[in-house]
Amino acid sequence: MRWLHTAMLASVTWYLMLPPPADGIPNRRLTFEPLSQWLMLDHFDSQRSCEAIRTKLIEQMPGSAIDTSRCVPSNAPELNRPKLQPGVG
């Protein structure tokens, strides 16, 4: 049974997601919006890979909207379908 659990975890994709922007306010994001409304910036094979890129982006762009990003598993119940941000990926 353990191998089945491992196989299920291996099939999970991780999304680096950014909340939608607040109209007219630079770098302000609507973090309270449901995850189904967030923008998918990229996808990864593991949480570790997603978090590593997120950390690197935060270091490269301190104080930017990327600070509000999250790594979300594709099987998260509150996630319907992420939208791909135009021009990314």
PDB file of N, CA and C in Angstrom:
ATOM      1  N   MET A   1       0.810  -1.194   0.000  1.00  0.00           N
ATOM      2  CA  MET A   1       0.000   0.000   0.000  1.00  0.00           C
ATOM      3  C   MET A   1       0.860   1.268   0.000  1.00  0.00           C
ATOM      4  N   ARG A   2       2.026   1.208   0.596  1.00  0.00           N
ATOM      5  CA  ARG A   2       2.914   2.374   0.635  1.00  0.00           C
ATOM      6  C   ARG A   2       3.327   2.790  -0.779  1.00  0.00           C
ATOM      7  N   TRP A   3       3.586   1.836  -1.671  1.00  0.00           N
ATOM      8  CA  TRP A   3       3.987   2.170  -3.033  1.00  0.00           C
ATOM      9  C   TRP A   3       2.885   2.925  -3.760  1.00  0.00           C
ATOM     10  N   LEU A   4       1.621   2.616  -3.468  1.00  0.00           N
ATOM     11  CA  LEU A   4       0.506   3.313  -4.090  1.00  0.00           C
ATOM     12  C   LEU A   4       0.484   4.774  -3.645  1.00  0.00           C
ATOM     13  N   HIS A   5       0.701   5.013  -2.361  1.00  0.00           N
ATOM     14  CA  HIS A   5       0.747   6.378  -1.839  1.00  0.00           C
ATOM     15  C   HIS A   5       1.893   7.154  -2.485  1.00  0.00           C
ATOM     16  N   THR A   6       3.049   6.522  -2.607  1.00  0.00           N
ATOM     17  CA  THR A   6       4.208   7.151  -3.239  1.00  0.00           C
ATOM     18  C   THR A   6       3.910   7.472  -4.699  1.00  0.00           C
ATOM     19  N   ALA A   7       3.277   6.563  -5.398  1.00  0.00           N
ATOM     20  CA  ALA A   7       2.938   6.785  -6.804  1.00  0.00           C
ATOM     21  C   ALA A   7       1.952   7.933  -6.956  1.00  0.00           C
ATOM     22  N   MET A   8       0.997   8.040  -6.039  1.00  0.00           N
ATOM     23  CA  MET A   8       0.023   9.125  -6.101  1.00  0.00           C
ATOM     24  C   MET A   8       0.707  10.471  -5.865  1.00  0.00           C
ATOM     25  N   LEU A   9       1.639  10.529  -4.931  1.00  0.00           N
ATOM     26  CA  LEU A   9       2.355  11.769  -4.665  1.00  0.00           C
ATOM     27  C   LEU A   9       3.216  12.169  -5.849  1.00  0.00           C
ATOM     28  N   ALA A  10       3.784  11.191  -6.514  1.00  0.00           N
ATOM     29  CA  ALA A  10       4.658  11.466  -7.649  1.00  0.00           C
ATOM     30  C   ALA A  10       3.886  12.069  -8.821  1.00  0.00           C
ATOM     31  N   SER A  11       2.593  11.797  -8.905  1.00  0.00           N
ATOM     32  CA  SER A  11       1.812  12.299 -10.030  1.00  0.00           C
ATOM     33  C   SER A  11       1.257  13.701  -9.793  1.00  0.00           C
ATOM     34  N   VAL A  12       1.513  14.279  -8.632  1.00  0.00           N
ATOM     35  CA  VAL A  12       1.020  15.623  -8.326  1.00  0.00           C
ATOM     36  C   VAL A  12       1.946  16.658  -8.954  1.00  0.00           C
ATOM     37  N   THR A  13       1.362  17.588  -9.664  1.00  0.00           N
ATOM     38  CA  THR A  13       2.087  18.728 -10.218  1.00  0.00           C
ATOM     39  C   THR A  13       1.937  19.882  -9.238  1.00  0.00           C
ATOM     40  N   TRP A  14       2.937  20.708  -9.144  1.00  0.00           N
ATOM     41  CA  TRP A  14       2.887  21.887  -8.275  1.00  0.00           C
ATOM     42  C   TRP A  14       2.851  23.129  -9.135  1.00  0.00           C
ATOM     43  N   TYR A  15       1.964  24.057  -8.781  1.00  0.00           N
ATOM     44  CA  TYR A  15       1.821  25.313  -9.505  1.00  0.00           C
ATOM     45  C   TYR A  15       2.378  26.457  -8.667  1.00  0.00           C
ATOM     46  N   LEU A  16       3.149  27.328  -9.303  1.00  0.00           N
ATOM     47  CA  LEU A  16       3.538  28.590  -8.681  1.00  0.00           C
ATOM     48  C   LEU A  16       2.467  29.577  -9.103  1.00  0.00           C
ATOM     49  N   MET A  17       1.718  30.067  -8.107  1.00  0.00           N
ATOM     50  CA  MET A  17       0.553  30.886  -8.407  1.00  0.00           C
ATOM     51  C   MET A  17       0.641  32.258  -7.751  1.00  0.00           C
ATOM     52  N   LEU A  18       0.054  33.227  -8.434  1.00  0.00           N
ATOM     53  CA  LEU A  18       0.063  34.610  -7.981  1.00  0.00           C
ATOM     54  C   LEU A  18      -1.385  35.094  -7.893  1.00  0.00           C
ATOM     55  N   PRO A  19      -1.744  35.742  -6.777  1.00  0.00           N
ATOM     56  CA  PRO A  19      -3.116  36.255  -6.680  1.00  0.00           C
ATOM     57  C   PRO A  19      -3.379  37.315  -7.743  1.00  0.00           C
ATOM     58  N   PRO A  20      -4.643  37.516  -8.091  1.00  0.00           N
ATOM     59  CA  PRO A  20      -4.961  38.539  -9.094  1.00  0.00           C
ATOM     60  C   PRO A  20      -4.611  39.930  -8.581  1.00  0.00           C
ATOM     61  N   PRO A  21      -4.291  40.854  -9.503  1.00  0.00           N
ATOM     62  CA  PRO A  21      -3.917  42.210  -9.087  1.00  0.00           C
ATOM     63  C   PRO A  21      -5.127  43.009  -8.613  1.00  0.00           C
ATOM     64  N   ALA A  22      -4.863  43.922  -7.693  1.00  0.00           N
ATOM     65  CA  ALA A  22      -5.882  44.888  -7.272  1.00  0.00           C
ATOM     66  C   ALA A  22      -5.853  46.033  -8.279  1.00  0.00           C
ATOM     67  N   ASP A  23      -6.992  46.415  -8.781  1.00  0.00           N
ATOM     68  CA  ASP A  23      -7.059  47.474  -9.796  1.00  0.00           C
ATOM     69  C   ASP A  23      -6.491  48.785  -9.278  1.00  0.00           C
ATOM     70  N   GLY A  24      -5.542  49.329 -10.042  1.00  0.00           N
ATOM     71  CA  GLY A  24      -5.020  50.650  -9.767  1.00  0.00           C
ATOM     72  C   GLY A  24      -4.026  50.769  -8.619  1.00  0.00           C
ATOM     73  N   ILE A  25      -3.647  49.661  -8.006  1.00  0.00           N
ATOM     74  CA  ILE A  25      -2.696  49.725  -6.898  1.00  0.00           C
ATOM     75  C   ILE A  25      -1.493  48.846  -7.253  1.00  0.00           C
ATOM     76  N   PRO A  26      -0.349  49.456  -7.597  1.00  0.00           N
ATOM     77  CA  PRO A  26       0.825  48.681  -7.997  1.00  0.00           C
ATOM     78  C   PRO A  26       1.273  47.696  -6.906  1.00  0.00           C
ATOM     79  N   ASN A  27       1.649  46.504  -7.330  1.00  0.00           N
ATOM     80  CA  ASN A  27       2.162  45.438  -6.455  1.00  0.00           C
ATOM     81  C   ASN A  27       1.178  44.992  -5.378  1.00  0.00           C
ATOM     82  N   ARG A  28      -0.073  45.411  -5.436  1.00  0.00           N
ATOM     83  CA  ARG A  28      -1.074  44.957  -4.456  1.00  0.00           C
ATOM     84  C   ARG A  28      -1.836  43.808  -5.086  1.00  0.00           C
ATOM     85  N   ARG A  29      -1.973  42.741  -4.344  1.00  0.00           N
ATOM     86  CA  ARG A  29      -2.639  41.550  -4.854  1.00  0.00           C
ATOM     87  C   ARG A  29      -3.825  41.182  -3.981  1.00  0.00           C
ATOM     88  N   LEU A  30      -4.827  40.584  -4.596  1.00  0.00           N
ATOM     89  CA  LEU A  30      -6.044  40.176  -3.897  1.00  0.00           C
ATOM     90  C   LEU A  30      -5.858  38.754  -3.351  1.00  0.00           C
ATOM     91  N   THR A  31      -5.135  38.658  -2.252  1.00  0.00           N
ATOM     92  CA  THR A  31      -4.785  37.351  -1.680  1.00  0.00           C
ATOM     93  C   THR A  31      -5.982  36.612  -1.107  1.00  0.00           C
ATOM     94  N   PHE A  32      -7.088  37.295  -0.898  1.00  0.00           N
ATOM     95  CA  PHE A  32      -8.286  36.667  -0.346  1.00  0.00           C
ATOM     96  C   PHE A  32      -9.140  35.997  -1.420  1.00  0.00           C
ATOM     97  N   GLU A  33      -8.817  36.229  -2.680  1.00  0.00           N
ATOM     98  CA  GLU A  33      -9.570  35.599  -3.767  1.00  0.00           C
ATOM     99  C   GLU A  33      -9.358  34.087  -3.741  1.00  0.00           C
ATOM    100  N   PRO A  34     -10.350  33.306  -4.189  1.00  0.00           N
ATOM    101  CA  PRO A  34     -10.175  31.841  -4.236  1.00  0.00           C
ATOM    102  C   PRO A  34      -9.016  31.462  -5.164  1.00  0.00           C
ATOM    103  N   LEU A  35      -8.353  30.372  -4.846  1.00  0.00           N
ATOM    104  CA  LEU A  35      -7.215  29.927  -5.662  1.00  0.00           C
ATOM    105  C   LEU A  35      -7.593  29.729  -7.131  1.00  0.00           C
ATOM    106  N   SER A  36      -8.833  29.404  -7.388  1.00  0.00           N
ATOM    107  CA  SER A  36      -9.265  29.216  -8.785  1.00  0.00           C
ATOM    108  C   SER A  36      -9.176  30.516  -9.582  1.00  0.00           C
ATOM    109  N   GLN A  37      -9.054  31.660  -8.902  1.00  0.00           N
ATOM    110  CA  GLN A  37      -8.938  32.956  -9.566  1.00  0.00           C
ATOM    111  C   GLN A  37      -7.483  33.418  -9.691  1.00  0.00           C
ATOM    112  N   TRP A  38      -6.565  32.710  -9.046  1.00  0.00           N
ATOM    113  CA  TRP A  38      -5.148  33.088  -9.088  1.00  0.00           C
ATOM    114  C   TRP A  38      -4.554  32.746 -10.452  1.00  0.00           C
ATOM    115  N   LEU A  39      -3.443  33.371 -10.784  1.00  0.00           N
ATOM    116  CA  LEU A  39      -2.756  33.144 -12.051  1.00  0.00           C
ATOM    117  C   LEU A  39      -1.654  32.107 -11.864  1.00  0.00           C
ATOM    118  N   MET A  40      -1.591  31.144 -12.766  1.00  0.00           N
ATOM    119  CA  MET A  40      -0.520  30.158 -12.716  1.00  0.00           C
ATOM    120  C   MET A  40       0.680  30.724 -13.469  1.00  0.00           C
ATOM    121  N   LEU A  41       1.795  30.879 -12.754  1.00  0.00           N
ATOM    122  CA  LEU A  41       3.005  31.399 -13.389  1.00  0.00           C
ATOM    123  C   LEU A  41       3.835  30.296 -14.023  1.00  0.00           C
ATOM    124  N   ASP A  42       3.855  29.123 -13.382  1.00  0.00           N
ATOM    125  CA  ASP A  42       4.641  28.000 -13.894  1.00  0.00           C
ATOM    126  C   ASP A  42       4.201  26.726 -13.182  1.00  0.00           C
ATOM    127  N   HIS A  43       4.680  25.585 -13.640  1.00  0.00           N
ATOM    128  CA  HIS A  43       4.357  24.312 -12.989  1.00  0.00           C
ATOM    129  C   HIS A  43       5.637  23.519 -12.792  1.00  0.00           C
ATOM    130  N   PHE A  44       5.627  22.649 -11.777  1.00  0.00           N
ATOM    131  CA  PHE A  44       6.822  21.910 -11.366  1.00  0.00           C
ATOM    132  C   PHE A  44       6.456  20.476 -11.013  1.00  0.00           C
ATOM    133  N   ASP A  45       7.471  19.615 -11.046  1.00  0.00           N
ATOM    134  CA  ASP A  45       7.278  18.210 -10.700  1.00  0.00           C
ATOM    135  C   ASP A  45       7.273  17.960  -9.198  1.00  0.00           C
ATOM    136  N   SER A  46       7.766  18.932  -8.419  1.00  0.00           N
ATOM    137  CA  SER A  46       7.824  18.730  -6.971  1.00  0.00           C
ATOM    138  C   SER A  46       7.625  20.047  -6.225  1.00  0.00           C
ATOM    139  N   GLN A  47       7.220  19.920  -4.970  1.00  0.00           N
ATOM    140  CA  GLN A  47       7.067  21.098  -4.128  1.00  0.00           C
ATOM    141  C   GLN A  47       8.422  21.762  -3.912  1.00  0.00           C
ATOM    142  N   ARG A  48       9.440  20.953  -3.739  1.00  0.00           N
ATOM    143  CA  ARG A  48      10.794  21.486  -3.517  1.00  0.00           C
ATOM    144  C   ARG A  48      11.240  22.375  -4.675  1.00  0.00           C
ATOM    145  N   SER A  49      11.001  21.931  -5.911  1.00  0.00           N
ATOM    146  CA  SER A  49      11.372  22.729  -7.089  1.00  0.00           C
ATOM    147  C   SER A  49      10.590  24.031  -7.142  1.00  0.00           C
ATOM    148  N   CYS A  50       9.319  23.949  -6.860  1.00  0.00           N
ATOM    149  CA  CYS A  50       8.469  25.138  -6.869  1.00  0.00           C
ATOM    150  C   CYS A  50       8.931  26.140  -5.821  1.00  0.00           C
ATOM    151  N   GLU A  51       9.161  25.667  -4.607  1.00  0.00           N
ATOM    152  CA  GLU A  51       9.580  26.560  -3.518  1.00  0.00           C
ATOM    153  C   GLU A  51      10.956  27.173  -3.793  1.00  0.00           C
ATOM    154  N   ALA A  52      11.844  26.403  -4.434  1.00  0.00           N
ATOM    155  CA  ALA A  52      13.176  26.924  -4.751  1.00  0.00           C
ATOM    156  C   ALA A  52      13.088  28.092  -5.731  1.00  0.00           C
ATOM    157  N   ILE A  53      12.263  27.951  -6.762  1.00  0.00           N
ATOM    158  CA  ILE A  53      12.096  29.032  -7.735  1.00  0.00           C
ATOM    159  C   ILE A  53      11.399  30.221  -7.087  1.00  0.00           C
ATOM    160  N   ARG A  54      10.390  29.955  -6.269  1.00  0.00           N
ATOM    161  CA  ARG A  54       9.682  31.036  -5.572  1.00  0.00           C
ATOM    162  C   ARG A  54      10.662  31.840  -4.712  1.00  0.00           C
ATOM    163  N   THR A  55      11.494  31.151  -3.954  1.00  0.00           N
ATOM    164  CA  THR A  55      12.477  31.810  -3.097  1.00  0.00           C
ATOM    165  C   THR A  55      13.448  32.645  -3.928  1.00  0.00           C
ATOM    166  N   LYS A  56      13.907  32.082  -5.027  1.00  0.00           N
ATOM    167  CA  LYS A  56      14.842  32.799  -5.899  1.00  0.00           C
ATOM    168  C   LYS A  56      14.200  34.068  -6.470  1.00  0.00           C
ATOM    169  N   LEU A  57      12.948  33.970  -6.890  1.00  0.00           N
ATOM    170  CA  LEU A  57      12.248  35.135  -7.429  1.00  0.00           C
ATOM    171  C   LEU A  57      12.052  36.212  -6.368  1.00  0.00           C
ATOM    172  N   ILE A  58      11.715  35.810  -5.157  1.00  0.00           N
ATOM    173  CA  ILE A  58      11.544  36.768  -4.063  1.00  0.00           C
ATOM    174  C   ILE A  58      12.867  37.477  -3.771  1.00  0.00           C
ATOM    175  N   GLU A  59      13.974  36.726  -3.793  1.00  0.00           N
ATOM    176  CA  GLU A  59      15.294  37.325  -3.567  1.00  0.00           C
ATOM    177  C   GLU A  59      15.653  38.307  -4.685  1.00  0.00           C
ATOM    178  N   GLN A  60      15.276  37.979  -5.926  1.00  0.00           N
ATOM    179  CA  GLN A  60      15.610  38.829  -7.069  1.00  0.00           C
ATOM    180  C   GLN A  60      14.698  40.051  -7.186  1.00  0.00           C
ATOM    181  N   MET A  61      13.489  39.951  -6.627  1.00  0.00           N
ATOM    182  CA  MET A  61      12.519  41.048  -6.742  1.00  0.00           C
ATOM    183  C   MET A  61      11.896  41.356  -5.386  1.00  0.00           C
ATOM    184  N   PRO A  62      12.709  41.754  -4.402  1.00  0.00           N
ATOM    185  CA  PRO A  62      12.161  42.009  -3.070  1.00  0.00           C
ATOM    186  C   PRO A  62      11.123  43.132  -3.086  1.00  0.00           C
ATOM    187  N   GLY A  63      10.079  42.938  -2.293  1.00  0.00           N
ATOM    188  CA  GLY A  63       9.032  43.947  -2.194  1.00  0.00           C
ATOM    189  C   GLY A  63       8.061  43.968  -3.358  1.00  0.00           C
ATOM    190  N   SER A  64       8.178  43.005  -4.261  1.00  0.00           N
ATOM    191  CA  SER A  64       7.274  42.964  -5.414  1.00  0.00           C
ATOM    192  C   SER A  64       6.079  42.058  -5.110  1.00  0.00           C
ATOM    193  N   ALA A  65       5.192  41.979  -6.054  1.00  0.00           N
ATOM    194  CA  ALA A  65       3.996  41.148  -5.901  1.00  0.00           C
ATOM    195  C   ALA A  65       4.334  39.664  -5.766  1.00  0.00           C
ATOM    196  N   ILE A  66       5.515  39.266  -6.187  1.00  0.00           N
ATOM    197  CA  ILE A  66       5.891  37.848  -6.101  1.00  0.00           C
ATOM    198  C   ILE A  66       5.919  37.371  -4.645  1.00  0.00           C
ATOM    199  N   ASP A  67       6.040  38.304  -3.713  1.00  0.00           N
ATOM    200  CA  ASP A  67       6.002  37.955  -2.289  1.00  0.00           C
ATOM    201  C   ASP A  67       4.691  37.275  -1.907  1.00  0.00           C
ATOM    202  N   THR A  68       3.630  37.533  -2.654  1.00  0.00           N
ATOM    203  CA  THR A  68       2.317  36.964  -2.336  1.00  0.00           C
ATOM    204  C   THR A  68       2.068  35.626  -3.028  1.00  0.00           C
ATOM    205  N   SER A  69       3.039  35.158  -3.799  1.00  0.00           N
ATOM    206  CA  SER A  69       2.875  33.901  -4.539  1.00  0.00           C
ATOM    207  C   SER A  69       2.829  32.707  -3.592  1.00  0.00           C
ATOM    208  N   ARG A  70       2.318  31.607  -4.102  1.00  0.00           N
ATOM    209  CA  ARG A  70       2.251  30.359  -3.337  1.00  0.00           C
ATOM    210  C   ARG A  70       2.502  29.181  -4.262  1.00  0.00           C
ATOM    211  N   CYS A  71       3.066  28.123  -3.712  1.00  0.00           N
ATOM    212  CA  CYS A  71       3.162  26.846  -4.418  1.00  0.00           C
ATOM    213  C   CYS A  71       1.964  26.015  -3.993  1.00  0.00           C
ATOM    214  N   VAL A  72       1.203  25.558  -4.980  1.00  0.00           N
ATOM    215  CA  VAL A  72      -0.054  24.866  -4.709  1.00  0.00           C
ATOM    216  C   VAL A  72      -0.052  23.528  -5.444  1.00  0.00           C
ATOM    217  N   PRO A  73      -0.397  22.435  -4.747  1.00  0.00           N
ATOM    218  CA  PRO A  73      -0.465  21.145  -5.441  1.00  0.00           C
ATOM    219  C   PRO A  73      -1.675  21.098  -6.371  1.00  0.00           C
ATOM    220  N   SER A  74      -1.520  20.405  -7.475  1.00  0.00           N
ATOM    221  CA  SER A  74      -2.596  20.327  -8.465  1.00  0.00           C
ATOM    222  C   SER A  74      -3.839  19.629  -7.922  1.00  0.00           C
ATOM    223  N   ASN A  75      -3.686  18.859  -6.853  1.00  0.00           N
ATOM    224  CA  ASN A  75      -4.838  18.157  -6.293  1.00  0.00           C
ATOM    225  C   ASN A  75      -5.464  18.902  -5.111  1.00  0.00           C
ATOM    226  N   ALA A  76      -5.111  20.165  -4.909  1.00  0.00           N
ATOM    227  CA  ALA A  76      -5.707  20.959  -3.831  1.00  0.00           C
ATOM    228  C   ALA A  76      -7.205  21.100  -4.089  1.00  0.00           C
ATOM    229  N   PRO A  77      -8.040  20.781  -3.098  1.00  0.00           N
ATOM    230  CA  PRO A  77      -9.484  20.813  -3.319  1.00  0.00           C
ATOM    231  C   PRO A  77     -10.031  22.197  -3.672  1.00  0.00           C
ATOM    232  N   GLU A  78      -9.393  23.258  -3.185  1.00  0.00           N
ATOM    233  CA  GLU A  78      -9.885  24.608  -3.460  1.00  0.00           C
ATOM    234  C   GLU A  78      -9.436  25.132  -4.821  1.00  0.00           C
ATOM    235  N   LEU A  79      -8.720  24.310  -5.552  1.00  0.00           N
ATOM    236  CA  LEU A  79      -8.200  24.708  -6.859  1.00  0.00           C
ATOM    237  C   LEU A  79      -9.020  24.032  -7.952  1.00  0.00           C
ATOM    238  N   ASN A  80      -9.725  24.837  -8.724  1.00  0.00           N
ATOM    239  CA  ASN A  80     -10.466  24.260  -9.840  1.00  0.00           C
ATOM    240  C   ASN A  80      -9.529  24.094 -11.018  1.00  0.00           C
ATOM    241  N   ARG A  81      -9.273  25.183 -11.696  1.00  0.00           N
ATOM    242  CA  ARG A  81      -8.332  25.192 -12.811  1.00  0.00           C
ATOM    243  C   ARG A  81      -7.592  26.512 -12.805  1.00  0.00           C
ATOM    244  N   PRO A  82      -6.261  26.468 -12.665  1.00  0.00           N
ATOM    245  CA  PRO A  82      -5.513  27.734 -12.702  1.00  0.00           C
ATOM    246  C   PRO A  82      -5.509  28.304 -14.120  1.00  0.00           C
ATOM    247  N   LYS A  83      -5.538  29.625 -14.203  1.00  0.00           N
ATOM    248  CA  LYS A  83      -5.424  30.288 -15.493  1.00  0.00           C
ATOM    249  C   LYS A  83      -3.950  30.540 -15.757  1.00  0.00           C
ATOM    250  N   LEU A  84      -3.536  30.309 -16.983  1.00  0.00           N
ATOM    251  CA  LEU A  84      -2.162  30.606 -17.365  1.00  0.00           C
ATOM    252  C   LEU A  84      -2.061  32.085 -17.673  1.00  0.00           C
ATOM    253  N   GLN A  85      -1.114  32.753 -17.033  1.00  0.00           N
ATOM    254  CA  GLN A  85      -0.950  34.187 -17.269  1.00  0.00           C
ATOM    255  C   GLN A  85      -0.453  34.380 -18.698  1.00  0.00           C
ATOM    256  N   PRO A  86      -1.106  35.267 -19.459  1.00  0.00           N
ATOM    257  CA  PRO A  86      -0.674  35.511 -20.844  1.00  0.00           C
ATOM    258  C   PRO A  86       0.799  35.922 -20.899  1.00  0.00           C
ATOM    259  N   GLY A  87       1.521  35.306 -21.818  1.00  0.00           N
ATOM    260  CA  GLY A  87       2.924  35.655 -22.008  1.00  0.00           C
ATOM    261  C   GLY A  87       3.872  34.952 -21.072  1.00  0.00           C
ATOM    262  N   VAL A  88       3.380  34.088 -20.185  1.00  0.00           N
ATOM    263  CA  VAL A  88       4.231  33.360 -19.257  1.00  0.00           C
ATOM    264  C   VAL A  88       4.120  31.880 -19.553  1.00  0.00           C
ATOM    265  N   GLY A  89       5.262  31.179 -19.517  1.00  0.00           N
ATOM    266  CA  GLY A  89       5.261  29.730 -19.659  1.00  0.00           C
ATOM    267  C   GLY A  89       5.212  29.323 -21.061  1.00  0.00           C
TER     268      GLY A  89
END
